Amino acid sequence: MNAKPKERIILGIDPGTSITGYGVIKTVGTIPELITIGSIDLSKYEDHYLKLKHIFERTAGIIDEYHPDELAIEAPFYGKNVQSMLKLGRAQGAAIAAALSRSLPIFEYAPRKIKMSITGQGAASKEQVAAMLMNILKFSLTNIKLDATDGLAAALCHFYQTNKPVQEKAYNSWKDFMNKNPKRIK
């Protein structure tokens, strides 16, 4: 009797100090499915610390609503502006703290790794990532911010990185393959 494929729910977050994007997917076996996608608009907050509080509270709320099994988050990339990097790192820390407060395992991915796993190209644009996500997860993009699709991309990247098929048989050559699979040869 075959075991039922395990269901997982993955929350992906693209942290930002103006907009933090998120996406939630459900996976059963090898099939990912979109649950929700959205963004946390922080533009109405002038105080950086209030932005961090809001990121924490909204992330915790998303976790409480969708009960994800794991959090995949985009790692801050190296930039020339140290102050921007510091603020971005704090935004990431607020989302991570929310996940930790709910005992959620956290997985961090570099932006290039996320883009590579979705589009096959590490230097892909946000628009290219969004287009691939719409194709893979079968949804249309209307009034969705690209930060939200970046959060969704982090979730799908994590799924791809942790759902690699296990190779049961290793072959050293075609002759080895034929010897181990005589019924597949015609």
C-alpha atoms as a PDB file:
ATOM      1  CA  MET A   1       0.000   0.000   0.000  1.00  0.00           C
ATOM      2  CA  ASN A   2       1.359   3.410  -0.978  1.00  0.00           C
ATOM      3  CA  ALA A   3       1.703   6.046   1.715  1.00  0.00           C
ATOM      4  CA  LYS A   4      -0.201   9.280   1.162  1.00  0.00           C
ATOM      5  CA  PRO A   5       2.179  12.103   0.138  1.00  0.00           C
ATOM      6  CA  LYS A   6       2.942  14.461   3.001  1.00  0.00           C
ATOM      7  CA  GLU A   7       1.292  17.854   2.893  1.00  0.00           C
ATOM      8  CA  ARG A   8       3.414  20.908   3.723  1.00  0.00           C
ATOM      9  CA  ILE A   9       2.552  24.567   3.936  1.00  0.00           C
ATOM     10  CA  ILE A  10       5.395  26.989   3.262  1.00  0.00           C
ATOM     11  CA  LEU A  11       5.384  30.724   3.976  1.00  0.00           C
ATOM     12  CA  GLY A  12       7.790  32.753   1.878  1.00  0.00           C
ATOM     13  CA  ILE A  13       8.788  36.298   2.792  1.00  0.00           C
ATOM     14  CA  ASP A  14      10.635  39.030   0.931  1.00  0.00           C
ATOM     15  CA  PRO A  15      11.480  41.479   3.721  1.00  0.00           C
ATOM     16  CA  GLY A  16      11.496  45.171   3.012  1.00  0.00           C
ATOM     17  CA  THR A  17      11.191  48.448   4.879  1.00  0.00           C
ATOM     18  CA  SER A  18       8.656  49.933   2.450  1.00  0.00           C
ATOM     19  CA  ILE A  19       6.866  46.761   1.402  1.00  0.00           C
ATOM     20  CA  THR A  20       7.303  43.238   2.751  1.00  0.00           C
ATOM     21  CA  GLY A  21       5.976  40.635   0.348  1.00  0.00           C
ATOM     22  CA  TYR A  22       4.695  37.195   1.247  1.00  0.00           C
ATOM     23  CA  GLY A  23       3.286  34.096  -0.361  1.00  0.00           C
ATOM     24  CA  VAL A  24       1.939  30.863   1.068  1.00  0.00           C
ATOM     25  CA  ILE A  25       1.932  27.581  -0.815  1.00  0.00           C
ATOM     26  CA  LYS A  26       0.636  24.132  -0.004  1.00  0.00           C
ATOM     27  CA  THR A  27       2.513  21.161  -1.360  1.00  0.00           C
ATOM     28  CA  VAL A  28       1.357  17.582  -1.616  1.00  0.00           C
ATOM     29  CA  GLY A  29       4.092  15.303  -2.896  1.00  0.00           C
ATOM     30  CA  THR A  30       5.580  17.082  -5.894  1.00  0.00           C
ATOM     31  CA  ILE A  31       2.674  19.442  -6.563  1.00  0.00           C
ATOM     32  CA  PRO A  32       2.816  23.044  -5.267  1.00  0.00           C
ATOM     33  CA  GLU A  33      -0.413  25.040  -4.993  1.00  0.00           C
ATOM     34  CA  LEU A  34      -0.913  28.732  -4.243  1.00  0.00           C
ATOM     35  CA  ILE A  35      -2.834  29.463  -1.043  1.00  0.00           C
ATOM     36  CA  THR A  36      -2.365  33.234  -0.804  1.00  0.00           C
ATOM     37  CA  ILE A  37      -0.108  36.068  -1.852  1.00  0.00           C
ATOM     38  CA  GLY A  38       0.106  39.613  -0.565  1.00  0.00           C
ATOM     39  CA  SER A  39       2.169  42.431   0.809  1.00  0.00           C
ATOM     40  CA  ILE A  40       2.566  44.368   4.010  1.00  0.00           C
ATOM     41  CA  ASP A  41       2.537  48.067   3.137  1.00  0.00           C
ATOM     42  CA  LEU A  42       4.760  50.002   5.525  1.00  0.00           C
ATOM     43  CA  SER A  43       4.645  53.377   3.754  1.00  0.00           C
ATOM     44  CA  LYS A  44       2.268  54.933   6.312  1.00  0.00           C
ATOM     45  CA  TYR A  45       4.823  54.441   9.096  1.00  0.00           C
ATOM     46  CA  GLU A  46       7.573  57.035   9.304  1.00  0.00           C
ATOM     47  CA  ASP A  47       9.246  55.549  12.367  1.00  0.00           C
ATOM     48  CA  HIS A  48      11.500  52.620  11.442  1.00  0.00           C
ATOM     49  CA  TYR A  49      10.787  50.857  14.733  1.00  0.00           C
ATOM     50  CA  LEU A  50       7.029  50.990  14.124  1.00  0.00           C
ATOM     51  CA  LYS A  51       7.667  49.392  10.728  1.00  0.00           C
ATOM     52  CA  LEU A  52       9.513  46.541  12.453  1.00  0.00           C
ATOM     53  CA  LYS A  53       6.660  46.107  14.934  1.00  0.00           C
ATOM     54  CA  HIS A  54       4.164  45.943  12.083  1.00  0.00           C
ATOM     55  CA  ILE A  55       6.274  43.382  10.164  1.00  0.00           C
ATOM     56  CA  PHE A  56       6.438  41.243  13.306  1.00  0.00           C
ATOM     57  CA  GLU A  57       2.700  41.497  14.027  1.00  0.00           C
ATOM     58  CA  ARG A  58       1.545  40.885  10.434  1.00  0.00           C
ATOM     59  CA  THR A  59       3.954  37.971   9.973  1.00  0.00           C
ATOM     60  CA  ALA A  60       2.729  36.412  13.218  1.00  0.00           C
ATOM     61  CA  GLY A  61      -0.854  36.954  12.025  1.00  0.00           C
ATOM     62  CA  ILE A  62      -0.159  35.241   8.691  1.00  0.00           C
ATOM     63  CA  ILE A  63       1.424  32.324  10.560  1.00  0.00           C
ATOM     64  CA  ASP A  64      -1.580  32.074  12.889  1.00  0.00           C
ATOM     65  CA  GLU A  65      -4.001  32.156   9.939  1.00  0.00           C
ATOM     66  CA  TYR A  66      -2.309  29.683   7.555  1.00  0.00           C
ATOM     67  CA  HIS A  67      -0.310  27.497   9.988  1.00  0.00           C
ATOM     68  CA  PRO A  68       2.761  27.016   7.784  1.00  0.00           C
ATOM     69  CA  ASP A  69       5.220  24.232   8.543  1.00  0.00           C
ATOM     70  CA  GLU A  70       8.265  26.286   7.452  1.00  0.00           C
ATOM     71  CA  LEU A  71       9.364  29.830   6.672  1.00  0.00           C
ATOM     72  CA  ALA A  72      11.520  30.588   3.646  1.00  0.00           C
ATOM     73  CA  ILE A  73      12.949  34.091   3.677  1.00  0.00           C
ATOM     74  CA  GLU A  74      15.075  36.073   1.275  1.00  0.00           C
ATOM     75  CA  ALA A  75      18.470  36.936   2.750  1.00  0.00           C
ATOM     76  CA  PRO A  76      19.636  40.545   2.537  1.00  0.00           C
ATOM     77  CA  PHE A  77      22.022  40.973  -0.354  1.00  0.00           C
ATOM     78  CA  TYR A  78      25.219  42.958  -0.198  1.00  0.00           C
ATOM     79  CA  GLY A  79      24.657  46.584  -1.061  1.00  0.00           C
ATOM     80  CA  LYS A  80      26.738  49.713  -1.110  1.00  0.00           C
ATOM     81  CA  ASN A  81      24.492  51.638   1.290  1.00  0.00           C
ATOM     82  CA  VAL A  82      25.239  50.355   4.785  1.00  0.00           C
ATOM     83  CA  GLN A  83      22.200  52.094   6.337  1.00  0.00           C
ATOM     84  CA  SER A  84      19.862  50.440   3.826  1.00  0.00           C
ATOM     85  CA  MET A  85      21.436  47.058   4.531  1.00  0.00           C
ATOM     86  CA  LEU A  86      21.024  47.569   8.276  1.00  0.00           C
ATOM     87  CA  LYS A  87      17.329  48.468   7.889  1.00  0.00           C
ATOM     88  CA  LEU A  88      16.716  45.531   5.562  1.00  0.00           C
ATOM     89  CA  GLY A  89      18.433  43.184   8.009  1.00  0.00           C
ATOM     90  CA  ARG A  90      16.221  44.476  10.788  1.00  0.00           C
ATOM     91  CA  ALA A  91      13.105  43.899   8.654  1.00  0.00           C
ATOM     92  CA  GLN A  92      14.258  40.340   8.038  1.00  0.00           C
ATOM     93  CA  GLY A  93      14.934  39.949  11.765  1.00  0.00           C
ATOM     94  CA  ALA A  94      11.391  41.074  12.639  1.00  0.00           C
ATOM     95  CA  ALA A  95       9.889  38.432  10.313  1.00  0.00           C
ATOM     96  CA  ILE A  96      12.283  35.780  11.654  1.00  0.00           C
ATOM     97  CA  ALA A  97      11.409  36.718  15.247  1.00  0.00           C
ATOM     98  CA  ALA A  98       7.704  36.248  14.432  1.00  0.00           C
ATOM     99  CA  ALA A  99       8.460  32.793  13.020  1.00  0.00           C
ATOM    100  CA  LEU A 100      10.568  31.910  16.048  1.00  0.00           C
ATOM    101  CA  SER A 101       7.767  33.036  18.368  1.00  0.00           C
ATOM    102  CA  ARG A 102       5.598  30.386  16.671  1.00  0.00           C
ATOM    103  CA  SER A 103       8.371  27.707  16.679  1.00  0.00           C
ATOM    104  CA  LEU A 104       8.580  27.697  12.886  1.00  0.00           C
ATOM    105  CA  PRO A 105      11.729  26.353  11.200  1.00  0.00           C
ATOM    106  CA  ILE A 106      13.451  29.067   9.150  1.00  0.00           C
ATOM    107  CA  PHE A 107      15.300  28.691   5.853  1.00  0.00           C
ATOM    108  CA  GLU A 108      17.207  31.556   4.253  1.00  0.00           C
ATOM    109  CA  TYR A 109      17.945  31.902   0.537  1.00  0.00           C
ATOM    110  CA  ALA A 110      20.036  34.392  -1.400  1.00  0.00           C
ATOM    111  CA  PRO A 111      18.123  36.440  -4.010  1.00  0.00           C
ATOM    112  CA  ARG A 112      20.132  34.875  -6.858  1.00  0.00           C
ATOM    113  CA  LYS A 113      19.353  31.371  -5.579  1.00  0.00           C
ATOM    114  CA  ILE A 114      15.626  32.156  -5.509  1.00  0.00           C
ATOM    115  CA  LYS A 115      15.657  33.633  -9.019  1.00  0.00           C
ATOM    116  CA  MET A 116      17.702  30.695 -10.311  1.00  0.00           C
ATOM    117  CA  SER A 117      15.301  28.127  -8.870  1.00  0.00           C
ATOM    118  CA  ILE A 118      12.239  29.851 -10.367  1.00  0.00           C
ATOM    119  CA  THR A 119      13.507  31.072 -13.751  1.00  0.00           C
ATOM    120  CA  GLY A 120      16.765  29.193 -14.292  1.00  0.00           C
ATOM    121  CA  GLN A 121      18.556  32.549 -14.364  1.00  0.00           C
ATOM    122  CA  GLY A 122      20.106  34.140 -11.267  1.00  0.00           C
ATOM    123  CA  ALA A 123      19.951  37.642 -12.743  1.00  0.00           C
ATOM    124  CA  ALA A 124      16.250  37.456 -13.708  1.00  0.00           C
ATOM    125  CA  SER A 125      14.108  40.550 -13.232  1.00  0.00           C
ATOM    126  CA  LYS A 126      11.223  40.737 -10.763  1.00  0.00           C
ATOM    127  CA  GLU A 127       8.867  40.705 -13.757  1.00  0.00           C
ATOM    128  CA  GLN A 128      10.415  37.490 -15.112  1.00  0.00           C
ATOM    129  CA  VAL A 129      10.079  35.833 -11.698  1.00  0.00           C
ATOM    130  CA  ALA A 130       6.421  36.933 -11.464  1.00  0.00           C
ATOM    131  CA  ALA A 131       5.676  35.597 -14.971  1.00  0.00           C
ATOM    132  CA  MET A 132       7.202  32.202 -14.172  1.00  0.00           C
ATOM    133  CA  LEU A 133       5.303  31.980 -10.876  1.00  0.00           C
ATOM    134  CA  MET A 134       2.021  32.718 -12.669  1.00  0.00           C
ATOM    135  CA  ASN A 135       2.800  29.953 -15.144  1.00  0.00           C
ATOM    136  CA  ILE A 136       3.889  27.391 -12.523  1.00  0.00           C
ATOM    137  CA  LEU A 137       1.158  28.079  -9.962  1.00  0.00           C
ATOM    138  CA  LYS A 138      -1.593  28.990 -12.464  1.00  0.00           C
ATOM    139  CA  PHE A 139      -2.726  32.385 -11.207  1.00  0.00           C
ATOM    140  CA  SER A 140      -3.101  35.785 -12.815  1.00  0.00           C
ATOM    141  CA  LEU A 141      -1.355  38.918 -11.659  1.00  0.00           C
ATOM    142  CA  THR A 142      -3.774  41.769 -11.008  1.00  0.00           C
ATOM    143  CA  ASN A 143      -2.863  44.473  -8.518  1.00  0.00           C
ATOM    144  CA  ILE A 144      -0.236  42.259  -6.886  1.00  0.00           C
ATOM    145  CA  LYS A 145       3.027  43.975  -6.006  1.00  0.00           C
ATOM    146  CA  LEU A 146       6.262  42.417  -7.246  1.00  0.00           C
ATOM    147  CA  ASP A 147       7.458  42.261  -3.634  1.00  0.00           C
ATOM    148  CA  ALA A 148       4.603  39.794  -3.041  1.00  0.00           C
ATOM    149  CA  THR A 149       5.711  37.585  -5.933  1.00  0.00           C
ATOM    150  CA  ASP A 150       9.255  37.727  -4.537  1.00  0.00           C
ATOM    151  CA  GLY A 151       7.927  36.388  -1.225  1.00  0.00           C
ATOM    152  CA  LEU A 152       6.047  33.665  -3.089  1.00  0.00           C
ATOM    153  CA  ALA A 153       9.242  32.863  -5.020  1.00  0.00           C
ATOM    154  CA  ALA A 154      11.083  32.282  -1.718  1.00  0.00           C
ATOM    155  CA  ALA A 155       8.423  29.724  -0.713  1.00  0.00           C
ATOM    156  CA  LEU A 156       8.585  27.915  -4.067  1.00  0.00           C
ATOM    157  CA  CYS A 157      12.401  27.986  -4.027  1.00  0.00           C
ATOM    158  CA  HIS A 158      12.345  26.295  -0.617  1.00  0.00           C
ATOM    159  CA  PHE A 159       9.943  23.670  -1.927  1.00  0.00           C
ATOM    160  CA  TYR A 160      12.263  22.958  -4.870  1.00  0.00           C
ATOM    161  CA  GLN A 161      15.349  22.810  -2.638  1.00  0.00           C
ATOM    162  CA  THR A 162      13.791  20.421  -0.129  1.00  0.00           C
ATOM    163  CA  ASN A 163      11.689  18.264  -2.460  1.00  0.00           C
ATOM    164  CA  LYS A 164      14.386  16.802  -4.653  1.00  0.00           C
ATOM    165  CA  PRO A 165      13.528  13.283  -5.739  1.00  0.00           C
ATOM    166  CA  VAL A 166      15.615  10.544  -4.212  1.00  0.00           C
ATOM    167  CA  GLN A 167      17.468   8.593  -6.819  1.00  0.00           C
ATOM    168  CA  GLU A 168      16.919   4.960  -5.982  1.00  0.00           C
ATOM    169  CA  LYS A 169      19.317   3.466  -8.495  1.00  0.00           C
ATOM    170  CA  ALA A 170      22.671   4.803  -9.560  1.00  0.00           C
ATOM    171  CA  TYR A 171      24.176   3.745 -12.845  1.00  0.00           C
ATOM    172  CA  ASN A 172      27.812   3.944 -13.847  1.00  0.00           C
ATOM    173  CA  SER A 173      27.246   3.479 -17.582  1.00  0.00           C
ATOM    174  CA  TRP A 174      24.671   2.436 -20.183  1.00  0.00           C
ATOM    175  CA  LYS A 175      25.882  -1.140 -19.824  1.00  0.00           C
ATOM    176  CA  ASP A 176      25.316  -0.950 -16.060  1.00  0.00           C
ATOM    177  CA  PHE A 177      21.800   0.488 -16.680  1.00  0.00           C
ATOM    178  CA  MET A 178      20.959  -2.336 -19.119  1.00  0.00           C
ATOM    179  CA  ASN A 179      22.236  -4.995 -16.690  1.00  0.00           C
ATOM    180  CA  LYS A 180      20.112  -3.588 -13.861  1.00  0.00           C
ATOM    181  CA  ASN A 181      16.994  -3.052 -16.050  1.00  0.00           C
ATOM    182  CA  PRO A 182      16.695  -6.011 -18.466  1.00  0.00           C
ATOM    183  CA  LYS A 183      12.888  -5.639 -18.741  1.00  0.00           C
ATOM    184  CA  ARG A 184      13.221  -2.066 -20.009  1.00  0.00           C
ATOM    185  CA  ILE A 185      15.357  -3.081 -23.000  1.00  0.00           C
ATOM    186  CA  LYS A 186      13.542  -3.931 -26.245  1.00  0.00           C
END
